[in-house]
Structure formats: C-alpha cells, structure tokens
C-alpha cells in the first residue's frame, strides 16, 4: 500500500499509568505464556497464539498487555478499558492530524548542507 491510498489519520499521544498489566517484553515472560519472539513477529493475519494469550489475560482481569511490537520497533500496549478503574484511564496529551502519512522514520534520508543550516 502506498501513502496516497491511506486516508487521513490522527496520532493521539496519551499518558498512561496502569497496574496489573501482563508484561511480555522478555523472552522468559513470553515462554511462561507459551509464546516465542517468532509468535510476536508473525505474518499479517497470523495472530492466533497472541489472541489466545490476550483473551486469557482479559479473562483473568488484567488491565492490559505490553509486548514487543510485531515490527520489532518499540513496544505495544493493549488496554482492556472495561477493567480499568477511572484513575487508570489514559489521559490525552496531544492529537496530531495527518492528511497524509508522514515519511517513514525507519528510512534514512540524505540531508544536504543547505538543510543543516
């Protein structure tokens, strides 16, 4: 998909302070729930193992799950809003609207001398 096929988006930045989160950021934690890094970095539409762990975390009353992102760039936090007490609800810090996707931050770009100032 190219950026011209993507409709306008909003990036919402929030502050989050949540307890009772299933933390899957280490290999040991993944192994304890029967997942591997390969499960987390699975192909599109191959989410069955991760969905199962998330469903069980929800059933056990966890407030959310934090895990490595599928892209291997950062982490992903999924919250279960129906389990969050009011004091743990995310608070919006900023909203940035994109009419088009911004440049891919993972790609290097050449900075010309005039751009450096």
PDB file of N, CA and C in Angstrom:
ATOM      1  N   UNK A   1       0.842  -1.161   0.000  1.00  0.00           N
ATOM      2  CA  UNK A   1       0.000   0.000   0.000  1.00  0.00           C
ATOM      3  C   UNK A   1       0.896   1.236   0.000  1.00  0.00           C
ATOM      4  N   UNK A   2       0.564   2.183  -0.818  1.00  0.00           N
ATOM      5  CA  UNK A   2       1.331   3.424  -0.879  1.00  0.00           C
ATOM      6  C   UNK A   2       0.642   4.502  -0.041  1.00  0.00           C
ATOM      7  N   UNK A   3       1.383   5.528   0.416  1.00  0.00           N
ATOM      8  CA  UNK A   3       0.792   6.559   1.269  1.00  0.00           C
ATOM      9  C   UNK A   3      -0.422   7.259   0.657  1.00  0.00           C
ATOM     10  N   UNK A   4      -0.482   7.381  -0.684  1.00  0.00           N
ATOM     11  CA  UNK A   4      -1.615   8.074  -1.289  1.00  0.00           C
ATOM     12  C   UNK A   4      -2.910   7.250  -1.197  1.00  0.00           C
ATOM     13  N   UNK A   5      -2.826   6.004  -0.779  1.00  0.00           N
ATOM     14  CA  UNK A   5      -4.015   5.176  -0.585  1.00  0.00           C
ATOM     15  C   UNK A   5      -4.524   5.202   0.859  1.00  0.00           C
ATOM     16  N   UNK A   6      -3.812   5.920   1.732  1.00  0.00           N
ATOM     17  CA  UNK A   6      -4.174   5.966   3.147  1.00  0.00           C
ATOM     18  C   UNK A   6      -4.978   7.231   3.425  1.00  0.00           C
ATOM     19  N   UNK A   7      -6.096   7.061   4.072  1.00  0.00           N
ATOM     20  CA  UNK A   7      -6.950   8.196   4.404  1.00  0.00           C
ATOM     21  C   UNK A   7      -6.367   8.976   5.581  1.00  0.00           C
ATOM     22  N   UNK A   8      -6.834  10.190   5.826  1.00  0.00           N
ATOM     23  CA  UNK A   8      -6.316  10.986   6.951  1.00  0.00           C
ATOM     24  C   UNK A   8      -6.397  10.223   8.274  1.00  0.00           C
ATOM     25  N   UNK A   9      -5.431  10.479   9.125  1.00  0.00           N
ATOM     26  CA  UNK A   9      -5.317   9.787  10.411  1.00  0.00           C
ATOM     27  C   UNK A   9      -5.083  10.800  11.523  1.00  0.00           C
ATOM     28  N   UNK A  10      -5.237  10.334  12.737  1.00  0.00           N
ATOM     29  CA  UNK A  10      -4.900  11.135  13.910  1.00  0.00           C
ATOM     30  C   UNK A  10      -3.979  10.309  14.800  1.00  0.00           C
ATOM     31  N   UNK A  11      -2.884  10.908  15.215  1.00  0.00           N
ATOM     32  CA  UNK A  11      -1.972  10.294  16.178  1.00  0.00           C
ATOM     33  C   UNK A  11      -2.311  10.901  17.527  1.00  0.00           C
ATOM     34  N   UNK A  12      -2.754  10.065  18.452  1.00  0.00           N
ATOM     35  CA  UNK A  12      -3.146  10.529  19.780  1.00  0.00           C
ATOM     36  C   UNK A  12      -2.081  10.067  20.766  1.00  0.00           C
ATOM     37  N   UNK A  13      -1.465  11.023  21.439  1.00  0.00           N
ATOM     38  CA  UNK A  13      -0.459  10.702  22.465  1.00  0.00           C
ATOM     39  C   UNK A  13      -1.134  10.800  23.822  1.00  0.00           C
ATOM     40  N   UNK A  14      -0.890   9.774  24.644  1.00  0.00           N
ATOM     41  CA  UNK A  14      -1.537   9.708  25.957  1.00  0.00           C
ATOM     42  C   UNK A  14      -0.505   9.437  27.041  1.00  0.00           C
ATOM     43  N   UNK A  15      -0.839   9.859  28.249  1.00  0.00           N
ATOM     44  CA  UNK A  15      -0.097   9.439  29.428  1.00  0.00           C
ATOM     45  C   UNK A  15      -0.853   8.264  30.014  1.00  0.00           C
ATOM     46  N   UNK A  16      -0.095   7.232  30.398  1.00  0.00           N
ATOM     47  CA  UNK A  16      -0.714   6.018  30.910  1.00  0.00           C
ATOM     48  C   UNK A  16      -0.015   5.612  32.201  1.00  0.00           C
ATOM     49  N   UNK A  17      -0.798   5.323  33.228  1.00  0.00           N
ATOM     50  CA  UNK A  17      -0.273   4.809  34.488  1.00  0.00           C
ATOM     51  C   UNK A  17      -1.216   3.697  34.933  1.00  0.00           C
ATOM     52  N   UNK A  18      -0.876   2.468  34.538  1.00  0.00           N
ATOM     53  CA  UNK A  18      -1.777   1.331  34.723  1.00  0.00           C
ATOM     54  C   UNK A  18      -1.065   0.235  35.514  1.00  0.00           C
ATOM     55  N   UNK A  19      -1.812  -0.374  36.422  1.00  0.00           N
ATOM     56  CA  UNK A  19      -1.324  -1.520  37.193  1.00  0.00           C
ATOM     57  C   UNK A  19      -1.902  -2.801  36.605  1.00  0.00           C
ATOM     58  N   UNK A  20      -1.420  -3.923  37.082  1.00  0.00           N
ATOM     59  CA  UNK A  20      -1.960  -5.232  36.711  1.00  0.00           C
ATOM     60  C   UNK A  20      -1.899  -5.475  35.197  1.00  0.00           C
ATOM     61  N   UNK A  21      -0.729  -5.216  34.609  1.00  0.00           N
ATOM     62  CA  UNK A  21      -0.507  -5.407  33.176  1.00  0.00           C
ATOM     63  C   UNK A  21       0.363  -6.646  32.978  1.00  0.00           C
ATOM     64  N   UNK A  22      -0.042  -7.520  32.080  1.00  0.00           N
ATOM     65  CA  UNK A  22       0.765  -8.684  31.720  1.00  0.00           C
ATOM     66  C   UNK A  22       1.931  -8.190  30.871  1.00  0.00           C
ATOM     67  N   UNK A  23       3.144  -8.309  31.396  1.00  0.00           N
ATOM     68  CA  UNK A  23       4.346  -7.789  30.734  1.00  0.00           C
ATOM     69  C   UNK A  23       5.047  -8.931  29.996  1.00  0.00           C
ATOM     70  N   UNK A  24       5.022  -8.871  28.661  1.00  0.00           N
ATOM     71  CA  UNK A  24       5.624  -9.915  27.822  1.00  0.00           C
ATOM     72  C   UNK A  24       6.864  -9.424  27.085  1.00  0.00           C
ATOM     73  N   UNK A  25       7.567  -8.458  27.654  1.00  0.00           N
ATOM     74  CA  UNK A  25       8.716  -7.868  26.955  1.00  0.00           C
ATOM     75  C   UNK A  25       9.990  -8.695  27.051  1.00  0.00           C
ATOM     76  N   UNK A  26      10.028  -9.725  27.864  1.00  0.00           N
ATOM     77  CA  UNK A  26      11.237 -10.559  27.942  1.00  0.00           C
ATOM     78  C   UNK A  26      10.953 -11.936  27.350  1.00  0.00           C
ATOM     79  N   UNK A  27      12.017 -12.597  26.915  1.00  0.00           N
ATOM     80  CA  UNK A  27      11.891 -13.952  26.367  1.00  0.00           C
ATOM     81  C   UNK A  27      11.334 -14.899  27.424  1.00  0.00           C
ATOM     82  N   UNK A  28      11.731 -14.694  28.695  1.00  0.00           N
ATOM     83  CA  UNK A  28      11.253 -15.555  29.775  1.00  0.00           C
ATOM     84  C   UNK A  28       9.743 -15.404  29.971  1.00  0.00           C
ATOM     85  N   UNK A  29       9.261 -14.167  29.937  1.00  0.00           N
ATOM     86  CA  UNK A  29       7.825 -13.929  30.111  1.00  0.00           C
ATOM     87  C   UNK A  29       7.037 -14.532  28.948  1.00  0.00           C
ATOM     88  N   UNK A  30       7.555 -14.387  27.732  1.00  0.00           N
ATOM     89  CA  UNK A  30       6.890 -14.997  26.574  1.00  0.00           C
ATOM     90  C   UNK A  30       6.799 -16.507  26.743  1.00  0.00           C
ATOM     91  N   UNK A  31       7.897 -17.111  27.169  1.00  0.00           N
ATOM     92  CA  UNK A  31       7.937 -18.567  27.336  1.00  0.00           C
ATOM     93  C   UNK A  31       6.927 -19.031  28.396  1.00  0.00           C
ATOM     94  N   UNK A  32       6.754 -18.241  29.465  1.00  0.00           N
ATOM     95  CA  UNK A  32       5.814 -18.623  30.530  1.00  0.00           C
ATOM     96  C   UNK A  32       4.375 -18.704  30.029  1.00  0.00           C
ATOM     97  N   UNK A  33       4.045 -17.936  28.979  1.00  0.00           N
ATOM     98  CA  UNK A  33       2.673 -17.987  28.441  1.00  0.00           C
ATOM     99  C   UNK A  33       2.602 -18.782  27.145  1.00  0.00           C
ATOM    100  N   UNK A  34       3.703 -19.454  26.785  1.00  0.00           N
ATOM    101  CA  UNK A  34       3.702 -20.326  25.618  1.00  0.00           C
ATOM    102  C   UNK A  34       3.934 -19.623  24.292  1.00  0.00           C
ATOM    103  N   UNK A  35       4.531 -18.420  24.342  1.00  0.00           N
ATOM    104  CA  UNK A  35       4.831 -17.688  23.105  1.00  0.00           C
ATOM    105  C   UNK A  35       6.329 -17.589  22.890  1.00  0.00           C
ATOM    106  N   UNK A  36       6.717 -17.294  21.665  1.00  0.00           N
ATOM    107  CA  UNK A  36       8.111 -17.021  21.318  1.00  0.00           C
ATOM    108  C   UNK A  36       8.158 -15.675  20.598  1.00  0.00           C
ATOM    109  N   UNK A  37       9.361 -15.154  20.396  1.00  0.00           N
ATOM    110  CA  UNK A  37       9.512 -13.912  19.629  1.00  0.00           C
ATOM    111  C   UNK A  37       8.939 -14.090  18.230  1.00  0.00           C
ATOM    112  N   UNK A  38       9.060 -15.282  17.670  1.00  0.00           N
ATOM    113  CA  UNK A  38       8.510 -15.547  16.329  1.00  0.00           C
ATOM    114  C   UNK A  38       6.987 -15.407  16.324  1.00  0.00           C
ATOM    115  N   UNK A  39       6.326 -15.770  17.419  1.00  0.00           N
ATOM    116  CA  UNK A  39       4.872 -15.593  17.502  1.00  0.00           C
ATOM    117  C   UNK A  39       4.504 -14.109  17.470  1.00  0.00           C
ATOM    118  N   UNK A  40       5.280 -13.304  18.182  1.00  0.00           N
ATOM    119  CA  UNK A  40       5.020 -11.861  18.253  1.00  0.00           C
ATOM    120  C   UNK A  40       5.274 -11.213  16.894  1.00  0.00           C
ATOM    121  N   UNK A  41       6.304 -11.663  16.193  1.00  0.00           N
ATOM    122  CA  UNK A  41       6.695 -11.077  14.910  1.00  0.00           C
ATOM    123  C   UNK A  41       6.061 -11.826  13.743  1.00  0.00           C
ATOM    124  N   UNK A  42       4.889 -12.397  13.944  1.00  0.00           N
ATOM    125  CA  UNK A  42       4.241 -13.218  12.937  1.00  0.00           C
ATOM    126  C   UNK A  42       3.763 -12.412  11.739  1.00  0.00           C
ATOM    127  N   UNK A  43       3.439 -13.123  10.676  1.00  0.00           N
ATOM    128  CA  UNK A  43       2.927 -12.502   9.466  1.00  0.00           C
ATOM    129  C   UNK A  43       1.552 -11.900   9.717  1.00  0.00           C
ATOM    130  N   UNK A  44       1.168 -10.997   8.844  1.00  0.00           N
ATOM    131  CA  UNK A  44      -0.164 -10.405   8.920  1.00  0.00           C
ATOM    132  C   UNK A  44      -1.195 -11.522   8.887  1.00  0.00           C
ATOM    133  N   UNK A  45      -2.210 -11.414   9.714  1.00  0.00           N
ATOM    134  CA  UNK A  45      -3.308 -12.381   9.845  1.00  0.00           C
ATOM    135  C   UNK A  45      -2.906 -13.689  10.523  1.00  0.00           C
ATOM    136  N   UNK A  46      -1.717 -13.743  11.148  1.00  0.00           N
ATOM    137  CA  UNK A  46      -1.288 -14.943  11.865  1.00  0.00           C
ATOM    138  C   UNK A  46      -1.169 -14.594  13.350  1.00  0.00           C
ATOM    139  N   UNK A  47      -2.310 -14.271  13.976  1.00  0.00           N
ATOM    140  CA  UNK A  47      -2.316 -13.747  15.334  1.00  0.00           C
ATOM    141  C   UNK A  47      -2.907 -14.716  16.356  1.00  0.00           C
ATOM    142  N   UNK A  48      -3.237 -15.912  15.951  1.00  0.00           N
ATOM    143  CA  UNK A  48      -3.994 -16.822  16.804  1.00  0.00           C
ATOM    144  C   UNK A  48      -3.370 -17.020  18.187  1.00  0.00           C
ATOM    145  N   UNK A  49      -2.072 -17.282  18.255  1.00  0.00           N
ATOM    146  CA  UNK A  49      -1.421 -17.536  19.544  1.00  0.00           C
ATOM    147  C   UNK A  49      -1.462 -16.293  20.430  1.00  0.00           C
ATOM    148  N   UNK A  50      -1.231 -15.131  19.857  1.00  0.00           N
ATOM    149  CA  UNK A  50      -1.247 -13.885  20.632  1.00  0.00           C
ATOM    150  C   UNK A  50      -2.661 -13.548  21.101  1.00  0.00           C
ATOM    151  N   UNK A  51      -3.638 -13.776  20.257  1.00  0.00           N
ATOM    152  CA  UNK A  51      -5.037 -13.516  20.627  1.00  0.00           C
ATOM    153  C   UNK A  51      -5.434 -14.404  21.802  1.00  0.00           C
ATOM    154  N   UNK A  52      -4.997 -15.639  21.786  1.00  0.00           N
ATOM    155  CA  UNK A  52      -5.317 -16.562  22.883  1.00  0.00           C
ATOM    156  C   UNK A  52      -4.748 -16.051  24.205  1.00  0.00           C
ATOM    157  N   UNK A  53      -3.495 -15.599  24.199  1.00  0.00           N
ATOM    158  CA  UNK A  53      -2.878 -15.080  25.430  1.00  0.00           C
ATOM    159  C   UNK A  53      -3.612 -13.814  25.875  1.00  0.00           C
ATOM    160  N   UNK A  54      -3.928 -12.926  24.950  1.00  0.00           N
ATOM    161  CA  UNK A  54      -4.660 -11.713  25.301  1.00  0.00           C
ATOM    162  C   UNK A  54      -6.029 -12.017  25.874  1.00  0.00           C
ATOM    163  N   UNK A  55      -6.715 -12.983  25.301  1.00  0.00           N
ATOM    164  CA  UNK A  55      -8.038 -13.377  25.798  1.00  0.00           C
ATOM    165  C   UNK A  55      -7.959 -13.907  27.227  1.00  0.00           C
ATOM    166  N   UNK A  56      -6.940 -14.691  27.486  1.00  0.00           N
ATOM    167  CA  UNK A  56      -6.783 -15.239  28.848  1.00  0.00           C
ATOM    168  C   UNK A  56      -6.411 -14.148  29.841  1.00  0.00           C
ATOM    169  N   UNK A  57      -5.565 -13.205  29.427  1.00  0.00           N
ATOM    170  CA  UNK A  57      -5.221 -12.082  30.307  1.00  0.00           C
ATOM    171  C   UNK A  57      -6.483 -11.287  30.641  1.00  0.00           C
ATOM    172  N   UNK A  58      -7.334 -11.085  29.650  1.00  0.00           N
ATOM    173  CA  UNK A  58      -8.591 -10.370  29.868  1.00  0.00           C
ATOM    174  C   UNK A  58      -9.484 -11.148  30.835  1.00  0.00           C
ATOM    175  N   UNK A  59      -9.606 -12.452  30.628  1.00  0.00           N
ATOM    176  CA  UNK A  59     -10.444 -13.291  31.499  1.00  0.00           C
ATOM    177  C   UNK A  59      -9.946 -13.282  32.938  1.00  0.00           C
ATOM    178  N   UNK A  60      -8.627 -13.172  33.114  1.00  0.00           N
ATOM    179  CA  UNK A  60      -8.048 -13.162  34.457  1.00  0.00           C
ATOM    180  C   UNK A  60      -8.140 -11.791  35.121  1.00  0.00           C
ATOM    181  N   UNK A  61      -8.678 -10.802  34.414  1.00  0.00           N
ATOM    182  CA  UNK A  61      -8.873  -9.479  34.996  1.00  0.00           C
ATOM    183  C   UNK A  61      -7.700  -8.529  34.856  1.00  0.00           C
ATOM    184  N   UNK A  62      -6.704  -8.892  34.041  1.00  0.00           N
ATOM    185  CA  UNK A  62      -5.594  -7.967  33.808  1.00  0.00           C
ATOM    186  C   UNK A  62      -6.132  -6.671  33.218  1.00  0.00           C
ATOM    187  N   UNK A  63      -5.418  -5.593  33.480  1.00  0.00           N
ATOM    188  CA  UNK A  63      -5.811  -4.288  32.931  1.00  0.00           C
ATOM    189  C   UNK A  63      -5.269  -4.090  31.527  1.00  0.00           C
ATOM    190  N   UNK A  64      -4.289  -4.910  31.122  1.00  0.00           N
ATOM    191  CA  UNK A  64      -3.732  -4.798  29.780  1.00  0.00           C
ATOM    192  C   UNK A  64      -2.582  -5.752  29.566  1.00  0.00           C
ATOM    193  N   UNK A  65      -1.975  -5.639  28.384  1.00  0.00           N
ATOM    194  CA  UNK A  65      -0.822  -6.455  27.990  1.00  0.00           C
ATOM    195  C   UNK A  65       0.186  -5.533  27.319  1.00  0.00           C
ATOM    196  N   UNK A  66       1.462  -5.656  27.677  1.00  0.00           N
ATOM    197  CA  UNK A  66       2.529  -4.933  26.993  1.00  0.00           C
ATOM    198  C   UNK A  66       3.488  -5.975  26.423  1.00  0.00           C
ATOM    199  N   UNK A  67       3.886  -5.771  25.154  1.00  0.00           N
ATOM    200  CA  UNK A  67       4.727  -6.759  24.467  1.00  0.00           C
ATOM    201  C   UNK A  67       5.560  -6.049  23.403  1.00  0.00           C
ATOM    202  N   UNK A  68       6.602  -6.723  22.906  1.00  0.00           N
ATOM    203  CA  UNK A  68       7.343  -6.151  21.777  1.00  0.00           C
ATOM    204  C   UNK A  68       6.391  -5.973  20.593  1.00  0.00           C
ATOM    205  N   UNK A  69       6.616  -4.928  19.799  1.00  0.00           N
ATOM    206  CA  UNK A  69       5.751  -4.728  18.629  1.00  0.00           C
ATOM    207  C   UNK A  69       6.104  -5.733  17.541  1.00  0.00           C
ATOM    208  N   UNK A  70       5.138  -6.048  16.713  1.00  0.00           N
ATOM    209  CA  UNK A  70       5.344  -7.003  15.622  1.00  0.00           C
ATOM    210  C   UNK A  70       6.403  -6.510  14.642  1.00  0.00           C
ATOM    211  N   UNK A  71       6.563  -5.189  14.526  1.00  0.00           N
ATOM    212  CA  UNK A  71       7.541  -4.613  13.593  1.00  0.00           C
ATOM    213  C   UNK A  71       8.962  -4.655  14.150  1.00  0.00           C
ATOM    214  N   UNK A  72       9.097  -5.032  15.413  1.00  0.00           N
ATOM    215  CA  UNK A  72      10.373  -5.025  16.127  1.00  0.00           C
ATOM    216  C   UNK A  72      10.849  -3.608  16.421  1.00  0.00           C
ATOM    217  N   UNK A  73       9.976  -2.610  16.256  1.00  0.00           N
ATOM    218  CA  UNK A  73      10.314  -1.217  16.544  1.00  0.00           C
ATOM    219  C   UNK A  73       9.483  -0.754  17.734  1.00  0.00           C
ATOM    220  N   UNK A  74      10.019  -0.891  18.923  1.00  0.00           N
ATOM    221  CA  UNK A  74       9.294  -0.444  20.098  1.00  0.00           C
ATOM    222  C   UNK A  74       8.421  -1.515  20.712  1.00  0.00           C
ATOM    223  N   UNK A  75       7.417  -1.040  21.421  1.00  0.00           N
ATOM    224  CA  UNK A  75       6.542  -1.937  22.172  1.00  0.00           C
ATOM    225  C   UNK A  75       5.088  -1.590  21.886  1.00  0.00           C
ATOM    226  N   UNK A  76       4.213  -2.512  22.209  1.00  0.00           N
ATOM    227  CA  UNK A  76       2.775  -2.326  22.040  1.00  0.00           C
ATOM    228  C   UNK A  76       2.100  -2.508  23.393  1.00  0.00           C
ATOM    229  N   UNK A  77       1.208  -1.570  23.723  1.00  0.00           N
ATOM    230  CA  UNK A  77       0.416  -1.666  24.942  1.00  0.00           C
ATOM    231  C   UNK A  77      -1.039  -1.783  24.541  1.00  0.00           C
ATOM    232  N   UNK A  78      -1.656  -2.852  24.955  1.00  0.00           N
ATOM    233  CA  UNK A  78      -3.093  -3.034  24.739  1.00  0.00           C
ATOM    234  C   UNK A  78      -3.786  -2.973  26.086  1.00  0.00           C
ATOM    235  N   UNK A  79      -4.769  -2.085  26.219  1.00  0.00           N
ATOM    236  CA  UNK A  79      -5.502  -1.946  27.478  1.00  0.00           C
ATOM    237  C   UNK A  79      -6.901  -2.533  27.343  1.00  0.00           C
ATOM    238  N   UNK A  80      -7.427  -3.031  28.438  1.00  0.00           N
ATOM    239  CA  UNK A  80      -8.789  -3.549  28.497  1.00  0.00           C
ATOM    240  C   UNK A  80      -9.634  -2.513  29.238  1.00  0.00           C
ATOM    241  N   UNK A  81     -10.254  -1.582  28.519  1.00  0.00           N
ATOM    242  CA  UNK A  81     -10.950  -0.456  29.158  1.00  0.00           C
ATOM    243  C   UNK A  81     -12.004  -0.869  30.178  1.00  0.00           C
ATOM    244  N   UNK A  82     -12.672  -1.990  29.949  1.00  0.00           N
ATOM    245  CA  UNK A  82     -13.702  -2.405  30.900  1.00  0.00           C
ATOM    246  C   UNK A  82     -13.121  -2.882  32.224  1.00  0.00           C
ATOM    247  N   UNK A  83     -11.795  -3.087  32.295  1.00  0.00           N
ATOM    248  CA  UNK A  83     -11.143  -3.488  33.538  1.00  0.00           C
ATOM    249  C   UNK A  83     -10.459  -2.322  34.241  1.00  0.00           C
ATOM    250  N   UNK A  84     -10.383  -1.172  33.587  1.00  0.00           N
ATOM    251  CA  UNK A  84      -9.626  -0.052  34.152  1.00  0.00           C
ATOM    252  C   UNK A  84     -10.467   0.766  35.126  1.00  0.00           C
ATOM    253  N   UNK A  85      -9.931   0.998  36.334  1.00  0.00           N
ATOM    254  CA  UNK A  85     -10.605   1.956  37.209  1.00  0.00           C
ATOM    255  C   UNK A  85     -10.420   3.359  36.627  1.00  0.00           C
ATOM    256  N   UNK A  86     -11.268   4.281  37.008  1.00  0.00           N
ATOM    257  CA  UNK A  86     -11.245   5.637  36.444  1.00  0.00           C
ATOM    258  C   UNK A  86      -9.855   6.263  36.551  1.00  0.00           C
ATOM    259  N   UNK A  87      -9.170   6.064  37.659  1.00  0.00           N
ATOM    260  CA  UNK A  87      -7.853   6.700  37.852  1.00  0.00           C
ATOM    261  C   UNK A  87      -6.771   6.114  36.936  1.00  0.00           C
ATOM    262  N   UNK A  88      -7.035   4.994  36.277  1.00  0.00           N
ATOM    263  CA  UNK A  88      -6.062   4.406  35.354  1.00  0.00           C
ATOM    264  C   UNK A  88      -6.406   4.650  33.884  1.00  0.00           C
ATOM    265  N   UNK A  89      -7.472   5.359  33.595  1.00  0.00           N
ATOM    266  CA  UNK A  89      -7.801   5.660  32.203  1.00  0.00           C
ATOM    267  C   UNK A  89      -6.730   6.555  31.603  1.00  0.00           C
ATOM    268  N   UNK A  90      -6.315   6.318  30.359  1.00  0.00           N
ATOM    269  CA  UNK A  90      -5.304   7.167  29.721  1.00  0.00           C
ATOM    270  C   UNK A  90      -5.797   8.610  29.617  1.00  0.00           C
ATOM    271  N   UNK A  91      -4.869   9.561  29.740  1.00  0.00           N
ATOM    272  CA  UNK A  91      -5.222  10.972  29.550  1.00  0.00           C
ATOM    273  C   UNK A  91      -4.531  11.478  28.284  1.00  0.00           C
ATOM    274  N   UNK A  92      -5.275  12.130  27.422  1.00  0.00           N
ATOM    275  CA  UNK A  92      -4.766  12.625  26.148  1.00  0.00           C
ATOM    276  C   UNK A  92      -3.809  13.793  26.396  1.00  0.00           C
ATOM    277  N   UNK A  93      -2.620  13.710  25.803  1.00  0.00           N
ATOM    278  CA  UNK A  93      -1.615  14.767  25.895  1.00  0.00           C
ATOM    279  C   UNK A  93      -1.667  15.644  24.653  1.00  0.00           C
ATOM    280  N   UNK A  94      -1.795  15.004  23.483  1.00  0.00           N
ATOM    281  CA  UNK A  94      -1.856  15.769  22.236  1.00  0.00           C
ATOM    282  C   UNK A  94      -2.496  14.927  21.138  1.00  0.00           C
ATOM    283  N   UNK A  95      -3.014  15.635  20.142  1.00  0.00           N
ATOM    284  CA  UNK A  95      -3.561  14.981  18.953  1.00  0.00           C
ATOM    285  C   UNK A  95      -2.954  15.661  17.742  1.00  0.00           C
ATOM    286  N   UNK A  96      -2.338  14.865  16.876  1.00  0.00           N
ATOM    287  CA  UNK A  96      -1.751  15.365  15.641  1.00  0.00           C
ATOM    288  C   UNK A  96      -2.509  14.741  14.483  1.00  0.00           C
ATOM    289  N   UNK A  97      -3.044  15.567  13.624  1.00  0.00           N
ATOM    290  CA  UNK A  97      -3.802  15.066  12.473  1.00  0.00           C
ATOM    291  C   UNK A  97      -2.886  15.006  11.255  1.00  0.00           C
ATOM    292  N   UNK A  98      -2.974  13.892  10.548  1.00  0.00           N
ATOM    293  CA  UNK A  98      -2.195  13.693   9.332  1.00  0.00           C
ATOM    294  C   UNK A  98      -3.149  13.599   8.157  1.00  0.00           C
ATOM    295  N   UNK A  99      -2.989  14.475   7.198  1.00  0.00           N
ATOM    296  CA  UNK A  99      -3.757  14.359   5.958  1.00  0.00           C
ATOM    297  C   UNK A  99      -3.154  13.272   5.082  1.00  0.00           C
ATOM    298  N   UNK A 100      -1.842  13.107   5.205  1.00  0.00           N
ATOM    299  CA  UNK A 100      -1.089  12.046   4.519  1.00  0.00           C
ATOM    300  C   UNK A 100      -0.176  11.414   5.553  1.00  0.00           C
ATOM    301  N   UNK A 101       0.278  10.232   5.274  1.00  0.00           N
ATOM    302  CA  UNK A 101       1.241   9.610   6.168  1.00  0.00           C
ATOM    303  C   UNK A 101       2.533  10.413   6.173  1.00  0.00           C
ATOM    304  N   UNK A 102       3.176  10.572   7.329  1.00  0.00           N
ATOM    305  CA  UNK A 102       4.481  11.243   7.359  1.00  0.00           C
ATOM    306  C   UNK A 102       5.530  10.317   6.760  1.00  0.00           C
ATOM    307  N   UNK A 103       6.714  10.836   6.444  1.00  0.00           N
ATOM    308  CA  UNK A 103       7.775   9.971   5.914  1.00  0.00           C
ATOM    309  C   UNK A 103       8.085   8.837   6.893  1.00  0.00           C
ATOM    310  N   UNK A 104       8.457   7.705   6.361  1.00  0.00           N
ATOM    311  CA  UNK A 104       8.791   6.534   7.175  1.00  0.00           C
ATOM    312  C   UNK A 104      10.039   6.857   7.999  1.00  0.00           C
ATOM    313  N   UNK A 105       9.938   6.886   9.339  1.00  0.00           N
ATOM    314  CA  UNK A 105      11.092   7.245  10.169  1.00  0.00           C
ATOM    315  C   UNK A 105      12.200   6.201  10.146  1.00  0.00           C
ATOM    316  N   UNK A 106      11.907   5.011   9.634  1.00  0.00           N
ATOM    317  CA  UNK A 106      12.931   3.959   9.591  1.00  0.00           C
ATOM    318  C   UNK A 106      13.860   4.109   8.405  1.00  0.00           C
ATOM    319  N   UNK A 107      13.491   4.951   7.429  1.00  0.00           N
ATOM    320  CA  UNK A 107      14.321   5.114   6.234  1.00  0.00           C
ATOM    321  C   UNK A 107      15.268   6.285   6.404  1.00  0.00           C
ATOM    322  N   UNK A 108      16.496   6.054   6.066  1.00  0.00           N
ATOM    323  CA  UNK A 108      17.483   7.128   6.124  1.00  0.00           C
ATOM    324  C   UNK A 108      17.240   8.091   4.970  1.00  0.00           C
ATOM    325  N   UNK A 109      17.515   9.349   5.206  1.00  0.00           N
ATOM    326  CA  UNK A 109      17.389  10.318   4.126  1.00  0.00           C
ATOM    327  C   UNK A 109      18.677  11.120   4.066  1.00  0.00           C
ATOM    328  N   UNK A 110      18.963  11.631   2.901  1.00  0.00           N
ATOM    329  CA  UNK A 110      20.161  12.437   2.714  1.00  0.00           C
ATOM    330  C   UNK A 110      19.837  13.866   3.116  1.00  0.00           C
ATOM    331  N   UNK A 111      20.665  14.422   4.010  1.00  0.00           N
ATOM    332  CA  UNK A 111      20.492  15.807   4.435  1.00  0.00           C
ATOM    333  C   UNK A 111      21.564  16.621   3.732  1.00  0.00           C
ATOM    334  N   UNK A 112      21.128  17.546   2.901  1.00  0.00           N
ATOM    335  CA  UNK A 112      22.038  18.388   2.154  1.00  0.00           C
ATOM    336  C   UNK A 112      22.607  19.485   3.048  1.00  0.00           C
ATOM    337  N   UNK A 113      23.757  20.013   2.721  1.00  0.00           N
ATOM    338  CA  UNK A 113      24.432  21.035   3.527  1.00  0.00           C
ATOM    339  C   UNK A 113      23.514  22.228   3.789  1.00  0.00           C
ATOM    340  N   UNK A 114      22.710  22.642   2.822  1.00  0.00           N
ATOM    341  CA  UNK A 114      21.819  23.793   2.991  1.00  0.00           C
ATOM    342  C   UNK A 114      20.747  23.503   4.040  1.00  0.00           C
ATOM    343  N   UNK A 115      20.351  22.261   4.196  1.00  0.00           N
ATOM    344  CA  UNK A 115      19.331  21.898   5.186  1.00  0.00           C
ATOM    345  C   UNK A 115      19.901  21.895   6.593  1.00  0.00           C
ATOM    346  N   UNK A 116      21.212  21.707   6.717  1.00  0.00           N
ATOM    347  CA  UNK A 116      21.840  21.628   8.033  1.00  0.00           C
ATOM    348  C   UNK A 116      21.931  23.006   8.696  1.00  0.00           C
ATOM    349  N   UNK A 117      21.838  24.058   7.902  1.00  0.00           N
ATOM    350  CA  UNK A 117      21.837  25.409   8.468  1.00  0.00           C
ATOM    351  C   UNK A 117      23.162  26.001   8.374  1.00  0.00           C
TER     352      UNK A 117
END
